[in-house]
Amino acid sequence: MIRALILDFDGVILESNHLKTDAFEAVFARFPEHAAAMMAYHRAHVSESRFAKFTHLVTQRLGREAQDSLVGELADAFSAHMLASIAVCPMVPGAQAFLDRVSAVVPVFLASVTPQAELDAILALRGFDRHFARVYGCPPWTKAGAIRDILAGLGGTDGVVFIGDSAGDQRAARETHVEFLARDSGLPFDEPRPRAFPDMTLIGEALASRLPPSTKGLP
């Protein structure tokens, strides 16, 4: 039986992965000679935080120090772009019904590479915050670090399932020895590729028999 669920955010709750791509394109456009290379870097490291990508730009492309204030300036510009578009971003099909039902019977946690303050603001804006026992953003947490903190509170991995949509999520689950369930948002996974569900409705169906009895009818 499932004791707790851990969810990624982008691509699991909101169909927001393309918004991040748009935001990175807007920020990298300030450096036209590096824009194409940085978008390629983004796609090759899709699960890394924005700070890692902007640090790569600043250090490896622009030849500055990692502590350069430009990293923070670019992160702020990225956040402004995201917050302007996230309010109307559609949910993953079935995500609202999934959240409504599972959060009523098991603790649900959120682990995202979105910075904590921005993630909290987005959840409050969209009314999702009520569903989560705790929310972990990056910074200050890595995804694997967030999972470990959750497991410490739960007393082990038994009955804990992590739902994500990327190879980075898959690796975090492997590193922390928790069961992984994949949502196919179009992002790549490592081999062996996990079975990936097209929406949260089908993920709900896959989990229904392992949830407390009141959720047996989970669509």
N, C-alpha and C. Protein backbone atom coordinates (compact mmCIF):
# COMPACT_ATOMS: atom_id res chain seq x y z
N MET A 1 0.84 -1.21 0.00
CA MET A 1 0.00 0.00 0.00
C MET A 1 0.87 1.26 0.00
N ILE A 2 0.36 2.28 -0.59
CA ILE A 2 1.10 3.55 -0.66
C ILE A 2 0.93 4.32 0.64
N ARG A 3 2.06 4.75 1.20
CA ARG A 3 2.04 5.57 2.40
C ARG A 3 2.18 7.06 2.09
N ALA A 4 2.87 7.37 0.99
CA ALA A 4 3.10 8.77 0.63
C ALA A 4 3.45 8.86 -0.85
N LEU A 5 3.15 10.01 -1.42
CA LEU A 5 3.49 10.30 -2.81
C LEU A 5 4.38 11.53 -2.86
N ILE A 6 5.36 11.50 -3.74
CA ILE A 6 6.21 12.67 -4.01
C ILE A 6 6.04 13.00 -5.48
N LEU A 7 5.71 14.24 -5.77
CA LEU A 7 5.45 14.65 -7.14
C LEU A 7 6.46 15.71 -7.60
N ASP A 8 6.89 15.57 -8.85
CA ASP A 8 7.54 16.68 -9.54
C ASP A 8 6.44 17.68 -9.90
N PHE A 9 6.83 18.87 -10.32
CA PHE A 9 5.83 19.91 -10.63
C PHE A 9 5.63 20.09 -12.13
N ASP A 10 6.64 20.63 -12.81
CA ASP A 10 6.53 20.87 -14.25
C ASP A 10 6.44 19.54 -14.99
N GLY A 11 5.39 19.38 -15.78
CA GLY A 11 5.22 18.16 -16.53
C GLY A 11 4.45 17.07 -15.81
N VAL A 12 4.19 17.27 -14.51
CA VAL A 12 3.39 16.33 -13.74
C VAL A 12 2.08 16.99 -13.30
N ILE A 13 2.17 18.23 -12.84
CA ILE A 13 0.98 18.98 -12.44
C ILE A 13 0.59 19.99 -13.51
N LEU A 14 1.56 20.78 -13.95
CA LEU A 14 1.31 21.75 -15.02
C LEU A 14 2.07 21.36 -16.28
N GLU A 15 1.47 21.65 -17.43
CA GLU A 15 2.14 21.44 -18.72
C GLU A 15 3.04 22.64 -19.00
N SER A 16 4.03 22.80 -18.15
CA SER A 16 4.81 24.04 -18.13
C SER A 16 6.24 23.89 -18.64
N ASN A 17 6.62 22.70 -19.10
CA ASN A 17 7.99 22.55 -19.58
C ASN A 17 8.30 23.49 -20.74
N HIS A 18 7.33 23.70 -21.63
CA HIS A 18 7.58 24.60 -22.76
C HIS A 18 7.74 26.04 -22.31
N LEU A 19 7.11 26.39 -21.17
CA LEU A 19 7.26 27.75 -20.65
C LEU A 19 8.71 27.99 -20.22
N LYS A 20 9.32 26.98 -19.64
CA LYS A 20 10.72 27.11 -19.24
C LYS A 20 11.61 27.26 -20.47
N THR A 21 11.31 26.49 -21.50
CA THR A 21 12.09 26.62 -22.73
C THR A 21 11.96 28.03 -23.29
N ASP A 22 10.73 28.56 -23.31
CA ASP A 22 10.51 29.93 -23.79
C ASP A 22 11.28 30.94 -22.94
N ALA A 23 11.27 30.73 -21.62
CA ALA A 23 11.95 31.66 -20.72
C ALA A 23 13.46 31.62 -20.93
N PHE A 24 14.01 30.41 -21.10
CA PHE A 24 15.45 30.30 -21.37
C PHE A 24 15.80 30.97 -22.70
N GLU A 25 14.98 30.78 -23.71
CA GLU A 25 15.24 31.43 -25.00
C GLU A 25 15.25 32.94 -24.85
N ALA A 26 14.31 33.48 -24.07
CA ALA A 26 14.23 34.93 -23.88
C ALA A 26 15.47 35.46 -23.17
N VAL A 27 15.93 34.73 -22.16
CA VAL A 27 17.10 35.18 -21.40
C VAL A 27 18.38 35.02 -22.22
N PHE A 28 18.54 33.89 -22.87
CA PHE A 28 19.76 33.65 -23.65
C PHE A 28 19.84 34.55 -24.88
N ALA A 29 18.70 35.08 -25.31
CA ALA A 29 18.71 35.97 -26.47
C ALA A 29 19.52 37.24 -26.21
N ARG A 30 19.77 37.54 -24.94
CA ARG A 30 20.60 38.69 -24.60
C ARG A 30 22.06 38.47 -25.02
N PHE A 31 22.41 37.23 -25.32
CA PHE A 31 23.77 36.87 -25.69
C PHE A 31 23.72 36.11 -27.01
N PRO A 32 23.43 36.79 -28.11
CA PRO A 32 23.14 36.10 -29.38
C PRO A 32 24.25 35.18 -29.85
N GLU A 33 25.49 35.50 -29.53
CA GLU A 33 26.59 34.65 -29.97
C GLU A 33 26.64 33.32 -29.21
N HIS A 34 25.95 33.25 -28.08
CA HIS A 34 25.94 32.04 -27.26
C HIS A 34 24.56 31.40 -27.17
N ALA A 35 23.54 32.02 -27.73
CA ALA A 35 22.16 31.59 -27.52
C ALA A 35 21.93 30.15 -27.99
N ALA A 36 22.37 29.82 -29.20
CA ALA A 36 22.14 28.47 -29.73
C ALA A 36 22.84 27.42 -28.88
N ALA A 37 24.08 27.70 -28.50
CA ALA A 37 24.83 26.74 -27.69
C ALA A 37 24.19 26.57 -26.31
N MET A 38 23.69 27.65 -25.74
CA MET A 38 23.07 27.56 -24.43
C MET A 38 21.73 26.84 -24.48
N MET A 39 20.98 26.99 -25.55
CA MET A 39 19.74 26.23 -25.67
C MET A 39 20.04 24.74 -25.82
N ALA A 40 21.11 24.42 -26.54
CA ALA A 40 21.52 23.02 -26.64
C ALA A 40 21.94 22.49 -25.27
N TYR A 41 22.64 23.33 -24.50
CA TYR A 41 23.04 22.93 -23.15
C TYR A 41 21.81 22.71 -22.28
N HIS A 42 20.83 23.61 -22.38
CA HIS A 42 19.59 23.46 -21.62
C HIS A 42 18.92 22.13 -21.93
N ARG A 43 18.80 21.79 -23.20
CA ARG A 43 18.10 20.55 -23.57
C ARG A 43 18.87 19.31 -23.14
N ALA A 44 20.19 19.42 -23.11
CA ALA A 44 21.01 18.28 -22.68
C ALA A 44 21.04 18.12 -21.17
N HIS A 45 20.68 19.17 -20.45
CA HIS A 45 20.69 19.15 -18.98
C HIS A 45 19.35 19.66 -18.45
N VAL A 46 18.28 19.11 -18.99
CA VAL A 46 16.95 19.67 -18.74
C VAL A 46 16.57 19.63 -17.26
N SER A 47 17.11 18.68 -16.51
CA SER A 47 16.73 18.55 -15.10
C SER A 47 17.58 19.40 -14.16
N GLU A 48 18.59 20.08 -14.68
CA GLU A 48 19.40 20.96 -13.83
C GLU A 48 18.64 22.25 -13.51
N SER A 49 19.02 22.88 -12.43
CA SER A 49 18.38 24.14 -12.05
C SER A 49 18.80 25.25 -13.00
N ARG A 50 18.02 26.30 -13.03
CA ARG A 50 18.35 27.47 -13.85
C ARG A 50 19.68 28.08 -13.41
N PHE A 51 19.99 28.01 -12.11
CA PHE A 51 21.23 28.60 -11.60
C PHE A 51 22.45 27.87 -12.17
N ALA A 52 22.33 26.54 -12.31
CA ALA A 52 23.43 25.78 -12.91
C ALA A 52 23.64 26.20 -14.37
N LYS A 53 22.54 26.43 -15.07
CA LYS A 53 22.64 26.79 -16.49
C LYS A 53 23.18 28.22 -16.65
N PHE A 54 22.73 29.13 -15.82
CA PHE A 54 23.23 30.50 -15.92
C PHE A 54 24.69 30.58 -15.46
N THR A 55 25.06 29.75 -14.48
CA THR A 55 26.45 29.71 -14.06
C THR A 55 27.33 29.18 -15.18
N HIS A 56 26.84 28.17 -15.90
CA HIS A 56 27.58 27.66 -17.06
C HIS A 56 27.78 28.76 -18.10
N LEU A 57 26.73 29.51 -18.38
CA LEU A 57 26.84 30.61 -19.34
C LEU A 57 27.88 31.62 -18.89
N VAL A 58 27.79 32.03 -17.63
CA VAL A 58 28.66 33.09 -17.11
C VAL A 58 30.12 32.63 -17.05
N THR A 59 30.35 31.39 -16.62
CA THR A 59 31.73 30.93 -16.45
C THR A 59 32.33 30.36 -17.72
N GLN A 60 31.60 29.49 -18.40
CA GLN A 60 32.16 28.78 -19.55
C GLN A 60 32.05 29.54 -20.85
N ARG A 61 31.06 30.40 -20.95
CA ARG A 61 30.86 31.15 -22.20
C ARG A 61 31.37 32.59 -22.10
N LEU A 62 31.11 33.22 -20.95
CA LEU A 62 31.48 34.62 -20.81
C LEU A 62 32.81 34.80 -20.08
N GLY A 63 33.33 33.73 -19.48
CA GLY A 63 34.64 33.79 -18.83
C GLY A 63 34.66 34.58 -17.54
N ARG A 64 33.54 34.63 -16.83
CA ARG A 64 33.49 35.36 -15.57
C ARG A 64 33.52 34.38 -14.40
N GLU A 65 33.53 34.93 -13.18
CA GLU A 65 33.52 34.11 -11.98
C GLU A 65 32.12 33.57 -11.71
N ALA A 66 32.06 32.41 -11.06
CA ALA A 66 30.77 31.80 -10.75
C ALA A 66 29.91 32.67 -9.85
N GLN A 67 30.57 33.51 -9.03
CA GLN A 67 29.83 34.38 -8.11
C GLN A 67 29.42 35.71 -8.74
N ASP A 68 29.62 35.84 -10.02
CA ASP A 68 29.28 37.10 -10.70
C ASP A 68 27.79 37.41 -10.51
N SER A 69 27.48 38.67 -10.27
CA SER A 69 26.09 39.08 -10.03
C SER A 69 25.19 38.84 -11.23
N LEU A 70 25.78 38.63 -12.41
CA LEU A 70 24.98 38.37 -13.60
C LEU A 70 24.16 37.10 -13.46
N VAL A 71 24.66 36.11 -12.73
CA VAL A 71 23.90 34.87 -12.54
C VAL A 71 22.56 35.19 -11.88
N GLY A 72 22.58 35.99 -10.83
CA GLY A 72 21.35 36.36 -10.15
C GLY A 72 20.44 37.22 -11.01
N GLU A 73 21.03 38.12 -11.79
CA GLU A 73 20.23 38.96 -12.67
C GLU A 73 19.49 38.13 -13.71
N LEU A 74 20.18 37.14 -14.27
CA LEU A 74 19.54 36.28 -15.27
C LEU A 74 18.45 35.42 -14.63
N ALA A 75 18.71 34.93 -13.42
CA ALA A 75 17.70 34.14 -12.71
C ALA A 75 16.46 34.97 -12.42
N ASP A 76 16.65 36.23 -12.05
CA ASP A 76 15.51 37.12 -11.79
C ASP A 76 14.70 37.37 -13.07
N ALA A 77 15.40 37.56 -14.19
CA ALA A 77 14.71 37.77 -15.47
C ALA A 77 13.93 36.52 -15.86
N PHE A 78 14.52 35.36 -15.63
CA PHE A 78 13.85 34.09 -15.91
C PHE A 78 12.59 33.96 -15.06
N SER A 79 12.70 34.26 -13.77
CA SER A 79 11.55 34.16 -12.86
C SER A 79 10.42 35.08 -13.29
N ALA A 80 10.75 36.30 -13.68
CA ALA A 80 9.73 37.25 -14.11
C ALA A 80 8.99 36.73 -15.35
N HIS A 81 9.75 36.14 -16.26
CA HIS A 81 9.15 35.59 -17.47
C HIS A 81 8.21 34.43 -17.12
N MET A 82 8.65 33.56 -16.22
CA MET A 82 7.84 32.41 -15.83
C MET A 82 6.57 32.82 -15.10
N LEU A 83 6.69 33.74 -14.15
CA LEU A 83 5.52 34.14 -13.37
C LEU A 83 4.48 34.82 -14.23
N ALA A 84 4.91 35.48 -15.29
CA ALA A 84 3.97 36.16 -16.18
C ALA A 84 3.16 35.17 -17.00
N SER A 85 3.69 33.96 -17.21
CA SER A 85 3.01 32.99 -18.06
C SER A 85 2.38 31.83 -17.31
N ILE A 86 2.82 31.58 -16.08
CA ILE A 86 2.38 30.39 -15.36
C ILE A 86 0.93 30.47 -14.91
N ALA A 87 0.40 31.67 -14.75
CA ALA A 87 -0.96 31.82 -14.23
C ALA A 87 -2.01 31.19 -15.12
N VAL A 88 -1.74 31.13 -16.42
CA VAL A 88 -2.73 30.59 -17.36
C VAL A 88 -2.26 29.28 -17.98
N CYS A 89 -1.21 28.71 -17.46
CA CYS A 89 -0.70 27.45 -18.00
C CYS A 89 -1.67 26.32 -17.69
N PRO A 90 -2.02 25.49 -18.67
CA PRO A 90 -2.96 24.39 -18.41
C PRO A 90 -2.34 23.32 -17.53
N MET A 91 -3.20 22.61 -16.81
CA MET A 91 -2.76 21.48 -16.00
C MET A 91 -2.60 20.26 -16.89
N VAL A 92 -1.76 19.34 -16.42
CA VAL A 92 -1.67 18.03 -17.06
C VAL A 92 -3.06 17.38 -16.95
N PRO A 93 -3.57 16.77 -18.01
CA PRO A 93 -4.89 16.13 -17.93
C PRO A 93 -4.99 15.16 -16.75
N GLY A 94 -6.05 15.33 -15.97
CA GLY A 94 -6.28 14.48 -14.81
C GLY A 94 -5.58 14.91 -13.55
N ALA A 95 -4.72 15.94 -13.61
CA ALA A 95 -3.93 16.31 -12.45
C ALA A 95 -4.77 16.86 -11.31
N GLN A 96 -5.77 17.68 -11.62
CA GLN A 96 -6.58 18.26 -10.54
C GLN A 96 -7.36 17.19 -9.80
N ALA A 97 -7.99 16.27 -10.53
CA ALA A 97 -8.73 15.20 -9.87
C ALA A 97 -7.78 14.31 -9.06
N PHE A 98 -6.60 14.06 -9.60
CA PHE A 98 -5.61 13.25 -8.89
C PHE A 98 -5.23 13.91 -7.57
N LEU A 99 -4.90 15.20 -7.61
CA LEU A 99 -4.52 15.92 -6.39
C LEU A 99 -5.66 15.94 -5.38
N ASP A 100 -6.86 16.23 -5.85
CA ASP A 100 -8.01 16.31 -4.95
C ASP A 100 -8.20 15.02 -4.17
N ARG A 101 -8.06 13.90 -4.84
CA ARG A 101 -8.37 12.63 -4.22
C ARG A 101 -7.22 12.07 -3.39
N VAL A 102 -6.01 12.08 -3.94
CA VAL A 102 -4.93 11.45 -3.18
C VAL A 102 -4.51 12.26 -1.97
N SER A 103 -4.59 13.59 -2.07
CA SER A 103 -4.16 14.42 -0.93
C SER A 103 -5.10 14.30 0.25
N ALA A 104 -6.28 13.74 0.02
CA ALA A 104 -7.24 13.54 1.12
C ALA A 104 -6.93 12.29 1.92
N VAL A 105 -6.09 11.38 1.39
CA VAL A 105 -5.90 10.10 2.06
C VAL A 105 -4.45 9.73 2.35
N VAL A 106 -3.49 10.33 1.65
CA VAL A 106 -2.08 10.08 1.94
C VAL A 106 -1.34 11.41 1.89
N PRO A 107 -0.24 11.54 2.62
CA PRO A 107 0.54 12.76 2.51
C PRO A 107 1.18 12.86 1.12
N VAL A 108 1.07 14.04 0.52
CA VAL A 108 1.63 14.28 -0.81
C VAL A 108 2.67 15.39 -0.69
N PHE A 109 3.85 15.15 -1.23
CA PHE A 109 4.95 16.10 -1.18
C PHE A 109 5.29 16.56 -2.59
N LEU A 110 5.86 17.75 -2.69
CA LEU A 110 6.26 18.30 -3.98
C LEU A 110 7.76 18.55 -3.96
N ALA A 111 8.46 18.05 -4.99
CA ALA A 111 9.91 18.27 -5.13
C ALA A 111 10.17 18.79 -6.52
N SER A 112 10.68 20.03 -6.61
CA SER A 112 10.84 20.69 -7.90
C SER A 112 12.19 21.38 -7.98
N VAL A 113 12.68 21.63 -9.21
CA VAL A 113 13.90 22.41 -9.38
C VAL A 113 13.60 23.91 -9.45
N THR A 114 12.35 24.29 -9.27
CA THR A 114 11.99 25.71 -9.19
C THR A 114 12.40 26.25 -7.82
N PRO A 115 13.02 27.44 -7.74
CA PRO A 115 13.42 27.99 -6.45
C PRO A 115 12.25 28.08 -5.47
N GLN A 116 12.54 27.89 -4.19
CA GLN A 116 11.51 27.77 -3.17
C GLN A 116 10.51 28.92 -3.16
N ALA A 117 11.01 30.16 -3.13
CA ALA A 117 10.10 31.31 -3.04
C ALA A 117 9.20 31.40 -4.26
N GLU A 118 9.76 31.17 -5.43
CA GLU A 118 8.96 31.21 -6.66
C GLU A 118 7.95 30.08 -6.69
N LEU A 119 8.37 28.89 -6.27
CA LEU A 119 7.46 27.75 -6.23
C LEU A 119 6.30 28.00 -5.29
N ASP A 120 6.59 28.54 -4.10
CA ASP A 120 5.53 28.86 -3.15
C ASP A 120 4.54 29.86 -3.73
N ALA A 121 5.06 30.86 -4.44
CA ALA A 121 4.20 31.87 -5.04
C ALA A 121 3.30 31.27 -6.12
N ILE A 122 3.86 30.39 -6.94
CA ILE A 122 3.08 29.75 -8.01
C ILE A 122 1.98 28.87 -7.41
N LEU A 123 2.31 28.10 -6.40
CA LEU A 123 1.32 27.21 -5.78
C LEU A 123 0.19 28.00 -5.16
N ALA A 124 0.52 29.11 -4.49
CA ALA A 124 -0.52 29.95 -3.90
C ALA A 124 -1.38 30.59 -4.99
N LEU A 125 -0.75 31.05 -6.05
CA LEU A 125 -1.46 31.68 -7.16
C LEU A 125 -2.46 30.73 -7.79
N ARG A 126 -2.07 29.48 -7.96
CA ARG A 126 -2.92 28.49 -8.62
C ARG A 126 -3.79 27.69 -7.65
N GLY A 127 -3.63 27.92 -6.35
CA GLY A 127 -4.44 27.22 -5.36
C GLY A 127 -4.03 25.78 -5.14
N PHE A 128 -2.77 25.42 -5.45
CA PHE A 128 -2.31 24.05 -5.27
C PHE A 128 -1.72 23.80 -3.89
N ASP A 129 -1.37 24.85 -3.17
CA ASP A 129 -0.62 24.69 -1.92
C ASP A 129 -1.37 23.83 -0.90
N ARG A 130 -2.69 23.84 -0.94
CA ARG A 130 -3.49 23.10 0.05
C ARG A 130 -3.31 21.58 -0.08
N HIS A 131 -2.79 21.12 -1.19
CA HIS A 131 -2.68 19.68 -1.43
C HIS A 131 -1.43 19.05 -0.84
N PHE A 132 -0.44 19.86 -0.45
CA PHE A 132 0.87 19.30 -0.14
C PHE A 132 1.21 19.38 1.34
N ALA A 133 1.74 18.25 1.85
CA ALA A 133 2.21 18.21 3.23
C ALA A 133 3.45 19.08 3.40
N ARG A 134 4.30 19.09 2.36
CA ARG A 134 5.47 19.96 2.36
C ARG A 134 5.94 20.14 0.91
N VAL A 135 6.53 21.30 0.67
CA VAL A 135 6.99 21.66 -0.68
C VAL A 135 8.50 21.91 -0.62
N TYR A 136 9.24 21.31 -1.58
CA TYR A 136 10.69 21.44 -1.64
C TYR A 136 11.09 22.08 -2.97
N GLY A 137 11.70 23.25 -2.91
CA GLY A 137 12.20 23.92 -4.10
C GLY A 137 13.71 23.88 -4.15
N CYS A 138 14.25 24.21 -5.32
CA CYS A 138 15.71 24.21 -5.53
C CYS A 138 16.15 25.55 -6.13
N PRO A 139 16.96 26.35 -5.39
CA PRO A 139 17.42 26.07 -4.04
C PRO A 139 16.30 26.26 -3.01
N PRO A 140 16.48 25.73 -1.80
CA PRO A 140 17.73 25.22 -1.22
C PRO A 140 17.93 23.71 -1.39
N TRP A 141 16.91 22.99 -1.87
CA TRP A 141 16.99 21.54 -1.93
C TRP A 141 17.38 21.04 -3.31
N THR A 142 18.15 19.96 -3.36
CA THR A 142 18.22 19.17 -4.58
C THR A 142 17.04 18.20 -4.52
N LYS A 143 16.71 17.61 -5.66
CA LYS A 143 15.58 16.69 -5.67
C LYS A 143 15.87 15.45 -4.82
N ALA A 144 17.08 14.90 -4.95
CA ALA A 144 17.44 13.74 -4.14
C ALA A 144 17.48 14.11 -2.65
N GLY A 145 17.97 15.30 -2.34
CA GLY A 145 17.99 15.74 -0.95
C GLY A 145 16.60 15.89 -0.38
N ALA A 146 15.67 16.39 -1.18
CA ALA A 146 14.28 16.51 -0.74
C ALA A 146 13.69 15.14 -0.45
N ILE A 147 13.94 14.19 -1.33
CA ILE A 147 13.41 12.84 -1.13
C ILE A 147 13.97 12.23 0.15
N ARG A 148 15.27 12.41 0.37
CA ARG A 148 15.87 11.86 1.58
C ARG A 148 15.26 12.47 2.84
N ASP A 149 14.98 13.77 2.79
CA ASP A 149 14.36 14.43 3.95
C ASP A 149 12.97 13.87 4.20
N ILE A 150 12.22 13.65 3.14
CA ILE A 150 10.88 13.07 3.28
C ILE A 150 10.97 11.67 3.86
N LEU A 151 11.89 10.87 3.34
CA LEU A 151 12.04 9.49 3.81
C LEU A 151 12.45 9.44 5.28
N ALA A 152 13.28 10.39 5.72
CA ALA A 152 13.67 10.44 7.13
C ALA A 152 12.45 10.62 8.02
N GLY A 153 11.51 11.46 7.57
CA GLY A 153 10.30 11.67 8.34
C GLY A 153 9.34 10.50 8.30
N LEU A 154 9.39 9.75 7.20
CA LEU A 154 8.47 8.62 7.04
C LEU A 154 9.04 7.33 7.60
N GLY A 155 10.34 7.30 7.86
CA GLY A 155 10.95 6.11 8.42
C GLY A 155 11.29 5.03 7.42
N GLY A 156 11.51 5.40 6.16
CA GLY A 156 11.92 4.40 5.17
C GLY A 156 11.22 4.57 3.85
N THR A 157 11.60 3.71 2.90
CA THR A 157 11.12 3.83 1.52
C THR A 157 9.85 3.05 1.23
N ASP A 158 9.48 2.14 2.11
CA ASP A 158 8.32 1.29 1.85
C ASP A 158 7.06 2.14 1.62
N GLY A 159 6.37 1.88 0.51
CA GLY A 159 5.12 2.55 0.24
C GLY A 159 5.26 3.98 -0.23
N VAL A 160 6.47 4.40 -0.62
CA VAL A 160 6.70 5.76 -1.09
C VAL A 160 6.92 5.72 -2.60
N VAL A 161 6.17 6.51 -3.35
CA VAL A 161 6.27 6.54 -4.80
C VAL A 161 6.57 7.97 -5.25
N PHE A 162 7.56 8.09 -6.13
CA PHE A 162 7.92 9.39 -6.71
C PHE A 162 7.43 9.41 -8.16
N ILE A 163 6.66 10.43 -8.52
CA ILE A 163 6.14 10.60 -9.87
C ILE A 163 6.85 11.76 -10.54
N GLY A 164 7.56 11.48 -11.64
CA GLY A 164 8.30 12.51 -12.35
C GLY A 164 8.21 12.34 -13.84
N ASP A 165 8.85 13.26 -14.57
CA ASP A 165 8.70 13.24 -16.03
C ASP A 165 10.03 13.39 -16.76
N SER A 166 11.14 13.08 -16.11
CA SER A 166 12.43 13.30 -16.76
C SER A 166 13.46 12.31 -16.25
N ALA A 167 14.58 12.24 -16.98
CA ALA A 167 15.68 11.39 -16.55
C ALA A 167 16.23 11.85 -15.20
N GLY A 168 16.21 13.16 -14.96
CA GLY A 168 16.66 13.66 -13.67
C GLY A 168 15.81 13.14 -12.53
N ASP A 169 14.50 13.10 -12.73
CA ASP A 169 13.61 12.53 -11.71
C ASP A 169 13.89 11.04 -11.53
N GLN A 170 14.06 10.35 -12.65
CA GLN A 170 14.36 8.92 -12.63
C GLN A 170 15.64 8.65 -11.83
N ARG A 171 16.68 9.48 -12.04
CA ARG A 171 17.94 9.30 -11.33
C ARG A 171 17.80 9.58 -9.84
N ALA A 172 17.01 10.60 -9.49
CA ALA A 172 16.80 10.92 -8.07
C ALA A 172 16.11 9.77 -7.37
N ALA A 173 15.14 9.15 -8.04
CA ALA A 173 14.46 8.00 -7.46
C ALA A 173 15.41 6.83 -7.29
N ARG A 174 16.25 6.59 -8.31
CA ARG A 174 17.22 5.49 -8.23
C ARG A 174 18.22 5.74 -7.10
N GLU A 175 18.68 6.98 -6.99
CA GLU A 175 19.67 7.32 -5.97
C GLU A 175 19.14 7.15 -4.56
N THR A 176 17.84 7.39 -4.38
CA THR A 176 17.24 7.33 -3.04
C THR A 176 16.48 6.03 -2.80
N HIS A 177 16.45 5.16 -3.81
CA HIS A 177 15.86 3.82 -3.69
C HIS A 177 14.34 3.86 -3.45
N VAL A 178 13.69 4.83 -4.10
CA VAL A 178 12.23 4.87 -4.03
C VAL A 178 11.64 4.44 -5.37
N GLU A 179 10.44 3.94 -5.32
CA GLU A 179 9.73 3.52 -6.53
C GLU A 179 9.46 4.73 -7.41
N PHE A 180 9.67 4.57 -8.71
CA PHE A 180 9.47 5.67 -9.66
C PHE A 180 8.36 5.35 -10.63
N LEU A 181 7.48 6.33 -10.83
CA LEU A 181 6.40 6.23 -11.81
C LEU A 181 6.55 7.41 -12.75
N ALA A 182 6.51 7.15 -14.05
CA ALA A 182 6.84 8.18 -15.03
C ALA A 182 5.61 8.72 -15.74
N ARG A 183 5.57 10.03 -15.87
CA ARG A 183 4.61 10.70 -16.74
C ARG A 183 5.35 11.15 -18.01
N ASP A 184 4.80 10.83 -19.17
CA ASP A 184 5.43 11.16 -20.44
C ASP A 184 5.04 12.57 -20.85
N SER A 185 5.93 13.54 -20.62
CA SER A 185 5.70 14.92 -21.03
C SER A 185 6.49 15.25 -22.29
N GLY A 186 7.20 14.25 -22.83
CA GLY A 186 8.04 14.47 -24.00
C GLY A 186 9.51 14.57 -23.68
N LEU A 187 9.87 14.62 -22.40
CA LEU A 187 11.28 14.66 -22.01
C LEU A 187 11.87 13.25 -22.03
N PRO A 188 13.17 13.15 -22.25
CA PRO A 188 13.78 11.81 -22.33
C PRO A 188 13.98 11.18 -20.96
N PHE A 189 14.08 9.85 -20.96
CA PHE A 189 14.42 9.07 -19.78
C PHE A 189 15.68 8.27 -20.08
N ASP A 190 16.34 7.82 -19.02
CA ASP A 190 17.48 6.93 -19.16
C ASP A 190 17.01 5.53 -19.53
N GLU A 191 17.94 4.75 -20.09
CA GLU A 191 17.69 3.33 -20.32
C GLU A 191 18.08 2.54 -19.07
N PRO A 192 17.32 1.51 -18.72
CA PRO A 192 16.09 1.09 -19.36
C PRO A 192 14.96 2.10 -19.09
N ARG A 193 14.28 2.48 -20.16
CA ARG A 193 13.24 3.49 -20.06
C ARG A 193 12.05 2.95 -19.27
N PRO A 194 11.57 3.72 -18.29
CA PRO A 194 10.42 3.25 -17.52
C PRO A 194 9.14 3.31 -18.34
N ARG A 195 8.16 2.54 -17.94
CA ARG A 195 6.84 2.71 -18.53
C ARG A 195 6.34 4.10 -18.18
N ALA A 196 5.94 4.86 -19.18
CA ALA A 196 5.53 6.25 -18.96
C ALA A 196 4.07 6.43 -19.38
N PHE A 197 3.30 7.08 -18.51
CA PHE A 197 1.88 7.29 -18.74
C PHE A 197 1.65 8.65 -19.39
N PRO A 198 0.69 8.76 -20.30
CA PRO A 198 0.48 10.03 -20.99
C PRO A 198 -0.18 11.12 -20.15
N ASP A 199 -0.86 10.74 -19.07
CA ASP A 199 -1.54 11.75 -18.25
C ASP A 199 -1.70 11.24 -16.82
N MET A 200 -2.22 12.12 -15.96
CA MET A 200 -2.38 11.76 -14.56
C MET A 200 -3.62 10.91 -14.31
N THR A 201 -4.54 10.91 -15.24
CA THR A 201 -5.69 10.02 -15.12
C THR A 201 -5.24 8.57 -15.12
N LEU A 202 -4.38 8.20 -16.06
CA LEU A 202 -3.91 6.83 -16.15
C LEU A 202 -2.95 6.48 -15.00
N ILE A 203 -2.20 7.46 -14.54
CA ILE A 203 -1.37 7.21 -13.36
C ILE A 203 -2.26 6.94 -12.15
N GLY A 204 -3.35 7.68 -12.04
CA GLY A 204 -4.30 7.43 -10.96
C GLY A 204 -4.88 6.02 -11.01
N GLU A 205 -5.19 5.58 -12.22
CA GLU A 205 -5.72 4.22 -12.38
C GLU A 205 -4.68 3.18 -11.98
N ALA A 206 -3.42 3.43 -12.34
CA ALA A 206 -2.36 2.49 -12.02
C ALA A 206 -2.13 2.38 -10.51
N LEU A 207 -2.41 3.44 -9.78
CA LEU A 207 -2.18 3.46 -8.33
C LEU A 207 -3.42 3.10 -7.51
N ALA A 208 -4.58 3.05 -8.14
CA ALA A 208 -5.85 2.97 -7.41
C ALA A 208 -5.90 1.81 -6.43
N SER A 209 -5.44 0.64 -6.83
CA SER A 209 -5.57 -0.54 -5.97
C SER A 209 -4.61 -0.50 -4.78
N ARG A 210 -3.66 0.43 -4.80
CA ARG A 210 -2.67 0.52 -3.73
C ARG A 210 -2.94 1.68 -2.78
N LEU A 211 -4.00 2.43 -3.04
CA LEU A 211 -4.36 3.55 -2.19
C LEU A 211 -5.44 3.14 -1.20
N PRO A 212 -5.63 3.88 -0.13
CA PRO A 212 -6.68 3.55 0.83
C PRO A 212 -8.04 3.40 0.17
N PRO A 213 -8.93 2.63 0.76
CA PRO A 213 -10.19 2.24 0.12
C PRO A 213 -11.04 3.39 -0.41
N SER A 214 -10.99 4.54 0.22
CA SER A 214 -11.83 5.64 -0.22
C SER A 214 -11.45 6.18 -1.58
N THR A 215 -10.28 5.79 -2.11
CA THR A 215 -9.86 6.24 -3.44
C THR A 215 -9.93 5.14 -4.48
N LYS A 216 -10.65 4.06 -4.18
CA LYS A 216 -10.72 2.96 -5.14
C LYS A 216 -11.30 3.39 -6.47
N GLY A 217 -12.15 4.43 -6.45
CA GLY A 217 -12.75 4.88 -7.70
C GLY A 217 -11.96 5.95 -8.41
N LEU A 218 -10.69 6.12 -8.02
CA LEU A 218 -9.85 7.14 -8.62
C LEU A 218 -9.81 6.99 -10.14
N PRO A 219 -10.23 8.03 -10.88
CA PRO A 219 -10.26 7.89 -12.33
C PRO A 219 -8.85 7.94 -12.92
